[in-house]
């Protein structure tokens, strides 16, 4: 029932709609734009050929990476991009032609650990009402696919890594929707049981014993969906160059390449039999994950620079310290990324991949995706507003493998390795303009050696805890 007295301008009445229509049809540009957008879609209609031409795919610093990976219909981008940074190190350490880690291997344990982490968060919020903001954050997606670099690190430390052929993709890692749905449904059932038992007066020891028992069901669901991961496996790597034999010799059993029959792959082989995932990581990858720091660029008044932040109730491995970020100014953020690439190391990063993005063409650039020209309106929101109003928080993680430095020393474009397969982008790679990087990239993972003194000091400072709804970062899928 409408209010008896309404303020002027409250309703969209017929006269107002008629006025809008007349104004729209009076401008020929609107009619041309509508023809293009209705027929071709907004992004296609808004694509500027000049923008495409002014963003070449050449880079003054460019790393040679392995084959493009594909997360398919799953939210594992954070895991793929993390593994892509490490495989680069392994490929060049051992002079391999190519290599891919098993993403499924960590996916299995991530589901287990997130389930346990969720139930521990339920135990920590037993007296919260189910409609409280805290509990709704905890209960939002108990064991969802998404994550950050900071979730990747404890998984690798605890479980190691394996090559892809030791634990290949499954139907439920390629398309995780049903797996995620029913696992989350079961976890919420367990949460209700724990909260009901708490109201009945059961002790925390009894509740945790219930949780341990319920986690057996979680393991069964994961093992049925994906198959159990290997405790040990046989490793075979082929060394690229014949003059690198000493690396094979120092590893496992090195096969001889002399007098190989014609047509037989004569490259040297590195062979290990019955190696564990932890042994494989220590011996063949060997990257010290404690030497990496996640930097964020959040120019909000509520999140001062050179401060370390933790997000409450976010994580996956319950016994690990809370995940954290160090907030730094944009120039520090950008310089750290350039310095790490120049030293020959790729970079995990998180961004809002939906903004001014051409998925098929492989472009991230507001000067190419001219929706402002198409709609006849400027998009003026800055990075702080984009975070504060939840318009452009991070939602996807990828890997930086190159950058171009212009004559003035500015990083004017970046080479981006994605995990959407070779059919998206140009053979799986994207190019991001410098302005797009500055505006829409929220997190980068940087080795300590490329951090300035002020940032290193912040890394060692006491963290400030943020609630999961506070706008500094969002989970990546």
Protein backbone atom coordinates (compact mmCIF):
# COMPACT_ATOMS: atom_id res chain seq x y z
CA UNK A 1 0.00 0.00 0.00
CA UNK A 2 1.63 3.33 -1.08
CA UNK A 3 2.34 6.02 1.47
CA UNK A 4 -0.27 8.76 1.75
CA UNK A 5 2.25 11.49 1.12
CA UNK A 6 5.34 10.85 -0.99
CA UNK A 7 8.36 13.14 -1.45
CA UNK A 8 8.92 14.53 -4.92
CA UNK A 9 11.25 12.37 -7.03
CA UNK A 10 10.61 9.19 -5.04
CA UNK A 11 8.87 7.24 -7.80
CA UNK A 12 9.71 6.52 -11.44
CA UNK A 13 6.44 7.73 -12.93
CA UNK A 14 5.29 7.59 -16.55
CA UNK A 15 6.19 11.22 -17.28
CA UNK A 16 9.73 10.71 -16.03
CA UNK A 17 10.21 7.55 -18.11
CA UNK A 18 8.89 9.37 -21.18
CA UNK A 19 11.41 12.15 -20.63
CA UNK A 20 14.27 9.65 -20.33
CA UNK A 21 13.17 7.96 -23.56
CA UNK A 22 13.00 11.23 -25.46
CA UNK A 23 16.48 12.22 -24.28
CA UNK A 24 17.85 8.81 -25.25
CA UNK A 25 16.40 8.86 -28.76
CA UNK A 26 17.46 12.44 -29.38
CA UNK A 27 21.13 11.43 -29.35
CA UNK A 28 22.26 9.49 -32.42
CA UNK A 29 25.26 8.07 -30.49
CA UNK A 30 22.88 6.27 -28.13
CA UNK A 31 21.15 4.54 -31.05
CA UNK A 32 24.45 3.46 -32.61
CA UNK A 33 25.70 2.19 -29.23
CA UNK A 34 22.46 0.26 -28.64
CA UNK A 35 22.69 -1.41 -32.06
CA UNK A 36 26.26 -2.53 -31.31
CA UNK A 37 25.65 -3.68 -27.73
CA UNK A 38 22.36 -5.50 -28.37
CA UNK A 39 23.81 -7.34 -31.36
CA UNK A 40 27.31 -8.10 -30.06
CA UNK A 41 27.27 -7.78 -26.26
CA UNK A 42 28.66 -4.97 -24.13
CA UNK A 43 32.33 -5.98 -24.09
CA UNK A 44 32.55 -6.63 -27.81
CA UNK A 45 30.77 -3.36 -28.60
CA UNK A 46 33.02 -1.46 -26.19
CA UNK A 47 36.34 -2.86 -27.46
CA UNK A 48 38.62 -0.16 -28.82
CA UNK A 49 40.86 -1.26 -31.69
CA UNK A 50 43.15 1.64 -30.81
CA UNK A 51 43.45 0.36 -27.26
CA UNK A 52 44.37 -3.12 -28.50
CA UNK A 53 47.03 -1.71 -30.82
CA UNK A 54 48.49 0.52 -28.11
CA UNK A 55 49.00 -2.45 -25.77
CA UNK A 56 51.53 -4.69 -27.56
CA UNK A 57 52.55 -8.07 -26.21
CA UNK A 58 56.25 -7.31 -25.99
CA UNK A 59 58.00 -6.86 -22.67
CA UNK A 60 61.42 -5.59 -21.69
CA UNK A 61 61.51 -8.23 -18.90
CA UNK A 62 60.00 -11.62 -19.73
CA UNK A 63 60.32 -14.99 -18.03
CA UNK A 64 60.21 -18.31 -19.88
CA UNK A 65 57.44 -20.35 -18.29
CA UNK A 66 56.05 -23.85 -18.81
CA UNK A 67 52.84 -24.78 -20.62
CA UNK A 68 49.58 -23.02 -19.82
CA UNK A 69 47.47 -24.74 -17.16
CA UNK A 70 43.69 -24.98 -16.87
CA UNK A 71 41.67 -24.93 -13.66
CA UNK A 72 38.55 -25.79 -15.72
CA UNK A 73 35.26 -25.50 -13.81
CA UNK A 74 36.73 -25.08 -10.35
CA UNK A 75 37.73 -22.23 -8.05
CA UNK A 76 41.38 -23.27 -7.75
CA UNK A 77 43.03 -20.22 -9.37
CA UNK A 78 44.97 -19.40 -6.19
CA UNK A 79 46.41 -22.91 -6.15
CA UNK A 80 47.24 -22.97 -9.87
CA UNK A 81 48.98 -19.59 -9.74
CA UNK A 82 50.90 -20.60 -6.61
CA UNK A 83 52.08 -23.83 -8.24
CA UNK A 84 52.94 -21.96 -11.43
CA UNK A 85 55.35 -19.73 -9.50
CA UNK A 86 57.07 -22.81 -8.03
CA UNK A 87 57.19 -24.86 -11.21
CA UNK A 88 59.09 -22.04 -12.89
CA UNK A 89 61.78 -22.43 -10.23
CA UNK A 90 61.84 -26.23 -10.61
CA UNK A 91 61.99 -26.12 -14.43
CA UNK A 92 64.97 -23.80 -14.45
CA UNK A 93 66.71 -25.42 -11.50
CA UNK A 94 66.72 -28.82 -13.21
CA UNK A 95 66.76 -27.69 -16.87
CA UNK A 96 63.47 -29.33 -17.81
CA UNK A 97 61.49 -28.74 -20.98
CA UNK A 98 58.23 -28.47 -19.05
CA UNK A 99 56.58 -29.55 -15.83
CA UNK A 100 53.25 -29.35 -14.02
CA UNK A 101 52.50 -30.11 -10.39
CA UNK A 102 49.37 -32.00 -9.40
CA UNK A 103 46.83 -29.36 -8.43
CA UNK A 104 44.43 -32.14 -7.43
CA UNK A 105 46.83 -33.35 -4.76
CA UNK A 106 46.67 -30.10 -2.80
CA UNK A 107 42.96 -29.74 -3.62
CA UNK A 108 42.23 -32.99 -1.77
CA UNK A 109 44.03 -31.85 1.37
CA UNK A 110 42.67 -28.32 1.12
CA UNK A 111 39.13 -29.69 1.30
CA UNK A 112 40.05 -31.73 4.36
CA UNK A 113 41.82 -28.86 6.09
CA UNK A 114 39.10 -26.31 5.29
CA UNK A 115 36.50 -28.67 6.70
CA UNK A 116 38.44 -29.01 9.94
CA UNK A 117 39.09 -25.25 10.00
CA UNK A 118 35.38 -24.54 9.55
CA UNK A 119 34.35 -26.86 12.38
CA UNK A 120 36.99 -25.28 14.64
CA UNK A 121 35.52 -21.86 13.80
CA UNK A 122 32.10 -23.24 14.71
CA UNK A 123 33.50 -24.30 18.08
CA UNK A 124 34.95 -20.80 18.53
CA UNK A 125 31.57 -19.15 17.88
CA UNK A 126 29.18 -21.44 19.74
CA UNK A 127 27.54 -18.55 21.59
CA UNK A 128 27.06 -16.43 18.48
CA UNK A 129 23.52 -16.27 17.12
CA UNK A 130 23.20 -17.95 13.74
CA UNK A 131 22.12 -14.63 12.23
CA UNK A 132 25.06 -12.68 13.68
CA UNK A 133 27.48 -11.16 11.20
CA UNK A 134 30.35 -13.17 12.67
CA UNK A 135 28.63 -16.54 12.36
CA UNK A 136 27.26 -15.77 8.92
CA UNK A 137 30.84 -15.04 7.80
CA UNK A 138 32.06 -18.31 9.30
CA UNK A 139 29.16 -20.26 7.81
CA UNK A 140 29.17 -18.63 4.37
CA UNK A 141 31.16 -21.23 2.42
CA UNK A 142 32.61 -23.84 4.81
CA UNK A 143 34.92 -25.68 2.38
CA UNK A 144 34.73 -23.61 -0.78
CA UNK A 145 37.29 -23.86 -3.55
CA UNK A 146 38.72 -20.35 -3.19
CA UNK A 147 41.83 -19.23 -1.37
CA UNK A 148 45.00 -17.17 -1.22
CA UNK A 149 48.73 -17.77 -1.35
CA UNK A 150 48.66 -17.81 2.46
CA UNK A 151 46.48 -20.93 2.30
CA UNK A 152 48.81 -22.57 -0.20
CA UNK A 153 51.92 -22.28 1.98
CA UNK A 154 50.75 -24.36 4.98
CA UNK A 155 49.42 -27.07 2.67
CA UNK A 156 52.80 -27.45 0.95
CA UNK A 157 54.67 -27.41 4.26
CA UNK A 158 52.43 -30.12 5.68
CA UNK A 159 51.80 -32.36 2.66
CA UNK A 160 54.52 -31.61 0.11
CA UNK A 161 53.85 -31.74 -3.63
CA UNK A 162 53.68 -34.34 -6.40
CA UNK A 163 53.90 -34.18 -10.21
CA UNK A 164 50.62 -34.17 -12.11
CA UNK A 165 51.09 -37.71 -13.39
CA UNK A 166 51.34 -39.00 -9.81
CA UNK A 167 47.81 -37.77 -8.99
CA UNK A 168 45.97 -36.65 -12.14
CA UNK A 169 42.82 -34.57 -12.44
CA UNK A 170 39.47 -36.20 -11.65
CA UNK A 171 35.94 -35.37 -12.76
CA UNK A 172 35.37 -33.64 -9.43
CA UNK A 173 38.51 -31.54 -9.53
CA UNK A 174 37.79 -30.44 -13.10
CA UNK A 175 34.22 -29.52 -12.17
CA UNK A 176 33.96 -29.16 -8.41
CA UNK A 177 30.43 -27.77 -8.09
CA UNK A 178 28.65 -30.90 -6.83
CA UNK A 179 31.60 -31.93 -4.65
CA UNK A 180 31.66 -28.51 -3.01
CA UNK A 181 27.89 -28.37 -2.62
CA UNK A 182 27.38 -31.65 -0.79
CA UNK A 183 30.52 -31.36 1.31
CA UNK A 184 29.34 -27.95 2.52
CA UNK A 185 25.85 -29.30 3.22
CA UNK A 186 27.31 -32.06 5.37
CA UNK A 187 29.59 -29.64 7.20
CA UNK A 188 26.67 -27.38 8.08
CA UNK A 189 24.84 -30.43 9.44
CA UNK A 190 27.85 -31.12 11.65
CA UNK A 191 27.87 -27.48 12.74
CA UNK A 192 24.24 -27.74 13.84
CA UNK A 193 25.04 -30.92 15.79
CA UNK A 194 27.92 -29.23 17.59
CA UNK A 195 25.87 -26.15 18.48
CA UNK A 196 22.96 -28.30 19.68
CA UNK A 197 25.31 -30.37 21.84
CA UNK A 198 26.77 -27.16 23.29
CA UNK A 199 23.29 -25.99 24.31
CA UNK A 200 22.77 -29.35 25.97
CA UNK A 201 25.81 -28.69 28.17
CA UNK A 202 28.43 -30.89 26.51
CA UNK A 203 32.04 -29.92 27.33
CA UNK A 204 34.53 -28.58 24.79
CA UNK A 205 36.46 -31.84 25.04
CA UNK A 206 33.33 -33.78 24.13
CA UNK A 207 32.54 -31.38 21.29
CA UNK A 208 36.02 -31.68 19.82
CA UNK A 209 35.80 -35.48 20.06
CA UNK A 210 32.56 -35.21 18.06
CA UNK A 211 34.38 -33.08 15.50
CA UNK A 212 37.20 -35.61 15.15
CA UNK A 213 34.67 -38.37 14.52
CA UNK A 214 32.76 -36.29 11.94
CA UNK A 215 36.00 -35.53 10.11
CA UNK A 216 36.15 -39.24 9.26
CA UNK A 217 33.01 -38.71 7.18
CA UNK A 218 34.66 -35.73 5.50
CA UNK A 219 37.67 -37.89 4.58
CA UNK A 220 35.34 -40.51 3.11
CA UNK A 221 33.55 -37.90 0.97
CA UNK A 222 36.86 -36.52 -0.32
CA UNK A 223 38.32 -39.96 -1.03
CA UNK A 224 35.21 -41.06 -2.93
CA UNK A 225 35.09 -37.82 -4.93
CA UNK A 226 38.78 -37.70 -5.85
CA UNK A 227 40.45 -40.96 -4.88
CA UNK A 228 43.08 -41.13 -2.17
CA UNK A 229 46.32 -39.26 -2.91
CA UNK A 230 49.60 -41.21 -3.01
CA UNK A 231 51.82 -41.57 0.05
CA UNK A 232 54.79 -42.28 -2.25
CA UNK A 233 55.33 -42.22 -6.01
CA UNK A 234 57.93 -42.90 -8.68
CA UNK A 235 59.48 -39.81 -10.27
CA UNK A 236 60.82 -39.49 -13.81
CA UNK A 237 62.07 -36.13 -15.12
CA UNK A 238 63.84 -35.51 -18.42
CA UNK A 239 66.70 -33.02 -18.42
CA UNK A 240 66.56 -30.63 -21.37
CA UNK A 241 70.22 -30.03 -22.20
CA UNK A 242 72.89 -32.69 -22.63
CA UNK A 243 75.49 -30.47 -20.97
CA UNK A 244 73.55 -30.46 -17.69
CA UNK A 245 74.21 -34.09 -16.84
CA UNK A 246 75.64 -33.30 -13.42
CA UNK A 247 72.21 -32.23 -12.21
CA UNK A 248 70.72 -35.59 -13.08
CA UNK A 249 73.67 -37.36 -11.54
CA UNK A 250 73.23 -35.53 -8.26
CA UNK A 251 69.54 -36.36 -8.11
CA UNK A 252 68.24 -39.90 -8.40
CA UNK A 253 69.37 -42.58 -10.80
CA UNK A 254 70.57 -40.93 -14.03
CA UNK A 255 70.15 -42.98 -17.20
CA UNK A 256 72.82 -42.94 -19.88
CA UNK A 257 72.09 -41.13 -23.11
CA UNK A 258 74.89 -42.71 -25.14
CA UNK A 259 74.07 -44.94 -28.11
CA UNK A 260 70.32 -44.54 -27.86
CA UNK A 261 68.50 -46.11 -30.82
CA UNK A 262 67.35 -43.69 -33.47
CA UNK A 263 63.96 -42.20 -32.61
CA UNK A 264 64.29 -42.85 -28.87
CA UNK A 265 64.20 -39.83 -26.56
CA UNK A 266 67.85 -39.65 -25.49
CA UNK A 267 67.55 -36.90 -22.93
CA UNK A 268 68.99 -37.63 -19.52
CA UNK A 269 66.51 -38.87 -16.95
CA UNK A 270 66.15 -38.18 -13.26
CA UNK A 271 64.56 -41.18 -11.58
CA UNK A 272 63.42 -41.63 -7.98
CA UNK A 273 61.43 -44.64 -6.80
CA UNK A 274 59.15 -44.57 -3.78
CA UNK A 275 59.74 -40.91 -2.96
CA UNK A 276 57.30 -39.12 -0.63
CA UNK A 277 55.64 -35.80 -1.53
CA UNK A 278 57.56 -34.07 1.28
CA UNK A 279 60.87 -35.55 0.09
CA UNK A 280 60.11 -34.48 -3.47
CA UNK A 281 59.47 -30.89 -2.41
CA UNK A 282 62.57 -30.68 -0.24
CA UNK A 283 64.90 -32.21 -2.83
CA UNK A 284 63.58 -30.98 -6.15
CA UNK A 285 61.76 -27.72 -5.39
CA UNK A 286 63.48 -26.56 -2.23
CA UNK A 287 62.02 -23.04 -2.20
CA UNK A 288 61.83 -21.59 1.33
CA UNK A 289 58.21 -20.49 1.55
CA UNK A 290 58.91 -18.55 4.74
CA UNK A 291 60.83 -16.03 2.65
CA UNK A 292 57.67 -14.80 0.90
CA UNK A 293 55.48 -11.93 2.09
CA UNK A 294 52.02 -11.00 0.84
CA UNK A 295 51.80 -7.28 0.13
CA UNK A 296 48.51 -5.51 -0.37
CA UNK A 297 47.79 -2.04 -1.66
CA UNK A 298 44.70 -0.84 0.18
CA UNK A 299 44.56 3.00 0.14
CA UNK A 300 41.76 3.20 2.68
CA UNK A 301 41.88 5.56 5.64
CA UNK A 302 40.87 2.58 7.82
CA UNK A 303 43.93 0.53 6.74
CA UNK A 304 47.09 2.67 7.15
CA UNK A 305 50.19 1.78 5.15
CA UNK A 306 53.13 -0.12 6.65
CA UNK A 307 50.76 -2.07 8.88
CA UNK A 308 50.41 -5.84 9.09
CA UNK A 309 46.84 -7.16 8.99
CA UNK A 310 45.22 -10.50 9.71
CA UNK A 311 41.69 -11.50 8.71
CA UNK A 312 39.73 -13.28 11.43
CA UNK A 313 38.23 -16.69 10.65
CA UNK A 314 40.02 -16.96 7.27
CA UNK A 315 42.40 -19.82 6.58
CA UNK A 316 42.52 -23.56 6.04
CA UNK A 317 45.11 -25.28 8.27
CA UNK A 318 43.83 -24.86 11.82
CA UNK A 319 47.16 -25.21 13.63
CA UNK A 320 48.90 -22.54 11.54
CA UNK A 321 49.14 -18.83 12.40
CA UNK A 322 46.40 -16.63 10.90
CA UNK A 323 47.02 -15.49 7.34
CA UNK A 324 48.29 -11.95 7.03
CA UNK A 325 49.05 -9.07 4.65
CA UNK A 326 51.31 -6.03 4.85
CA UNK A 327 49.74 -2.89 3.39
CA UNK A 328 52.13 -0.68 1.43
CA UNK A 329 51.87 2.40 -0.83
CA UNK A 330 51.40 1.84 -4.55
CA UNK A 331 54.92 2.91 -5.56
CA UNK A 332 56.45 0.43 -3.09
CA UNK A 333 54.01 -2.24 -4.25
CA UNK A 334 54.84 -1.74 -7.91
CA UNK A 335 58.62 -1.48 -7.41
CA UNK A 336 58.74 -4.75 -5.47
CA UNK A 337 56.99 -6.51 -8.36
CA UNK A 338 59.35 -5.06 -10.98
CA UNK A 339 62.43 -5.93 -8.93
CA UNK A 340 61.36 -9.55 -8.43
CA UNK A 341 60.62 -10.07 -12.13
CA UNK A 342 63.92 -8.42 -13.08
CA UNK A 343 65.70 -10.90 -10.80
CA UNK A 344 64.08 -13.81 -12.64
CA UNK A 345 61.21 -14.83 -10.36
CA UNK A 346 57.48 -14.89 -11.27
CA UNK A 347 54.88 -13.35 -8.97
CA UNK A 348 51.61 -14.63 -7.54
CA UNK A 349 49.02 -11.85 -7.57
CA UNK A 350 45.33 -11.29 -6.84
CA UNK A 351 43.04 -8.86 -8.58
CA UNK A 352 39.50 -8.11 -9.71
CA UNK A 353 39.67 -9.91 -13.04
CA UNK A 354 36.19 -8.82 -14.09
CA UNK A 355 36.93 -5.12 -14.47
CA UNK A 356 37.72 -3.88 -18.00
CA UNK A 357 38.58 -7.41 -19.02
CA UNK A 358 38.43 -9.22 -22.36
CA UNK A 359 38.61 -12.92 -21.54
CA UNK A 360 39.02 -14.28 -25.07
CA UNK A 361 41.30 -11.50 -26.32
CA UNK A 362 43.45 -11.60 -23.18
CA UNK A 363 43.34 -7.91 -22.23
CA UNK A 364 43.01 -6.07 -18.91
CA UNK A 365 42.77 -2.37 -19.73
CA UNK A 366 40.23 0.43 -19.28
CA UNK A 367 41.60 2.20 -22.37
CA UNK A 368 40.67 -0.86 -24.46
CA UNK A 369 37.35 -1.80 -22.85
CA UNK A 370 35.67 1.57 -23.47
CA UNK A 371 32.41 1.07 -21.65
CA UNK A 372 32.63 4.76 -20.78
CA UNK A 373 32.33 5.67 -24.46
CA UNK A 374 29.66 3.02 -25.07
CA UNK A 375 27.40 4.19 -22.23
CA UNK A 376 28.31 7.87 -22.46
CA UNK A 377 29.38 8.13 -18.82
CA UNK A 378 32.72 8.19 -17.03
CA UNK A 379 33.68 5.56 -14.47
CA UNK A 380 35.50 7.62 -11.86
CA UNK A 381 35.72 5.31 -8.83
CA UNK A 382 39.27 5.05 -7.48
CA UNK A 383 40.91 2.06 -5.76
CA UNK A 384 39.85 3.11 -2.27
CA UNK A 385 36.19 3.50 -3.28
CA UNK A 386 36.33 0.21 -5.17
CA UNK A 387 37.38 -1.58 -1.98
CA UNK A 388 35.20 0.36 0.46
CA UNK A 389 32.04 -0.16 -1.59
CA UNK A 390 32.94 -3.75 -2.53
CA UNK A 391 32.94 -3.00 -6.26
CA UNK A 392 36.44 -4.28 -7.05
CA UNK A 393 37.83 -6.56 -4.34
CA UNK A 394 40.13 -9.39 -5.39
CA UNK A 395 38.38 -12.43 -6.87
CA UNK A 396 41.03 -14.18 -9.01
CA UNK A 397 44.72 -15.06 -8.72
CA UNK A 398 47.20 -15.31 -11.61
CA UNK A 399 50.95 -15.13 -12.21
CA UNK A 400 53.03 -12.21 -13.46
CA UNK A 401 55.74 -13.42 -15.85
CA UNK A 402 56.82 -10.20 -17.52
CA UNK A 403 56.76 -6.41 -17.46
CA UNK A 404 57.63 -3.60 -19.84
CA UNK A 405 59.45 -0.54 -18.52
CA UNK A 406 58.93 2.61 -20.60
CA UNK A 407 61.41 5.44 -21.24
CA UNK A 408 60.37 7.17 -18.01
CA UNK A 409 60.95 4.04 -15.91
CA UNK A 410 57.23 3.28 -15.45
CA UNK A 411 55.85 -0.27 -15.69
CA UNK A 412 53.39 0.44 -18.50
CA UNK A 413 52.26 -3.14 -19.17
CA UNK A 414 52.50 -6.56 -17.55
CA UNK A 415 52.53 -10.11 -18.91
CA UNK A 416 49.99 -12.29 -17.12
CA UNK A 417 49.93 -16.09 -17.06
CA UNK A 418 46.38 -17.27 -16.43
CA UNK A 419 44.97 -20.71 -15.60
CA UNK A 420 42.01 -20.71 -17.99
CA UNK A 421 43.64 -22.85 -20.67
CA UNK A 422 45.18 -21.94 -24.04
CA UNK A 423 41.84 -21.01 -25.62
CA UNK A 424 41.52 -17.86 -23.50
CA UNK A 425 43.87 -14.96 -24.05
CA UNK A 426 46.69 -15.35 -26.57
CA UNK A 427 47.82 -18.94 -25.97
CA UNK A 428 46.69 -18.51 -22.36
CA UNK A 429 48.54 -15.24 -21.70
CA UNK A 430 47.07 -11.81 -21.02
CA UNK A 431 48.44 -8.31 -21.12
CA UNK A 432 47.50 -5.79 -18.41
CA UNK A 433 48.12 -2.08 -18.75
CA UNK A 434 50.10 -0.29 -16.08
CA UNK A 435 47.04 1.75 -15.12
CA UNK A 436 44.95 -1.41 -14.76
CA UNK A 437 47.61 -3.02 -12.53
CA UNK A 438 47.70 0.07 -10.31
CA UNK A 439 43.92 0.16 -9.98
CA UNK A 440 42.78 -3.46 -9.80
CA UNK A 441 45.67 -5.55 -8.43
CA UNK A 442 45.23 -5.92 -4.67
CA UNK A 443 47.89 -8.44 -3.57
CA UNK A 444 51.32 -9.62 -4.70
CA UNK A 445 53.62 -12.18 -3.11
CA UNK A 446 57.19 -10.96 -2.86
CA UNK A 447 60.44 -12.46 -1.60
CA UNK A 448 61.84 -10.68 1.43
CA UNK A 449 65.02 -9.74 -0.43
CA UNK A 450 63.02 -7.34 -2.62
CA UNK A 451 61.34 -5.49 0.27
CA UNK A 452 62.45 -2.10 1.57
CA UNK A 453 63.31 -1.48 5.22
CA UNK A 454 59.95 0.04 6.13
CA UNK A 455 58.08 -2.97 4.72
CA UNK A 456 60.40 -5.46 6.44
CA UNK A 457 59.80 -3.65 9.72
CA UNK A 458 56.05 -3.93 9.18
CA UNK A 459 56.40 -7.67 8.48
CA UNK A 460 57.78 -8.14 12.01
CA UNK A 461 55.20 -5.88 13.70
CA UNK A 462 52.19 -6.99 15.72
CA UNK A 463 49.26 -7.59 13.37
CA UNK A 464 45.96 -5.75 13.41
CA UNK A 465 43.00 -8.13 13.17
CA UNK A 466 40.29 -7.33 10.64
CA UNK A 467 36.88 -8.94 10.54
CA UNK A 468 36.19 -11.00 7.40
CA UNK A 469 33.79 -8.40 6.00
CA UNK A 470 36.22 -5.50 6.23
CA UNK A 471 37.37 -4.45 2.74
CA UNK A 472 41.05 -5.26 2.28
CA UNK A 473 40.86 -8.51 0.31
CA UNK A 474 38.46 -11.20 -0.81
CA UNK A 475 38.99 -14.87 -1.49
CA UNK A 476 40.14 -15.83 -5.00
CA UNK A 477 38.47 -18.41 -7.21
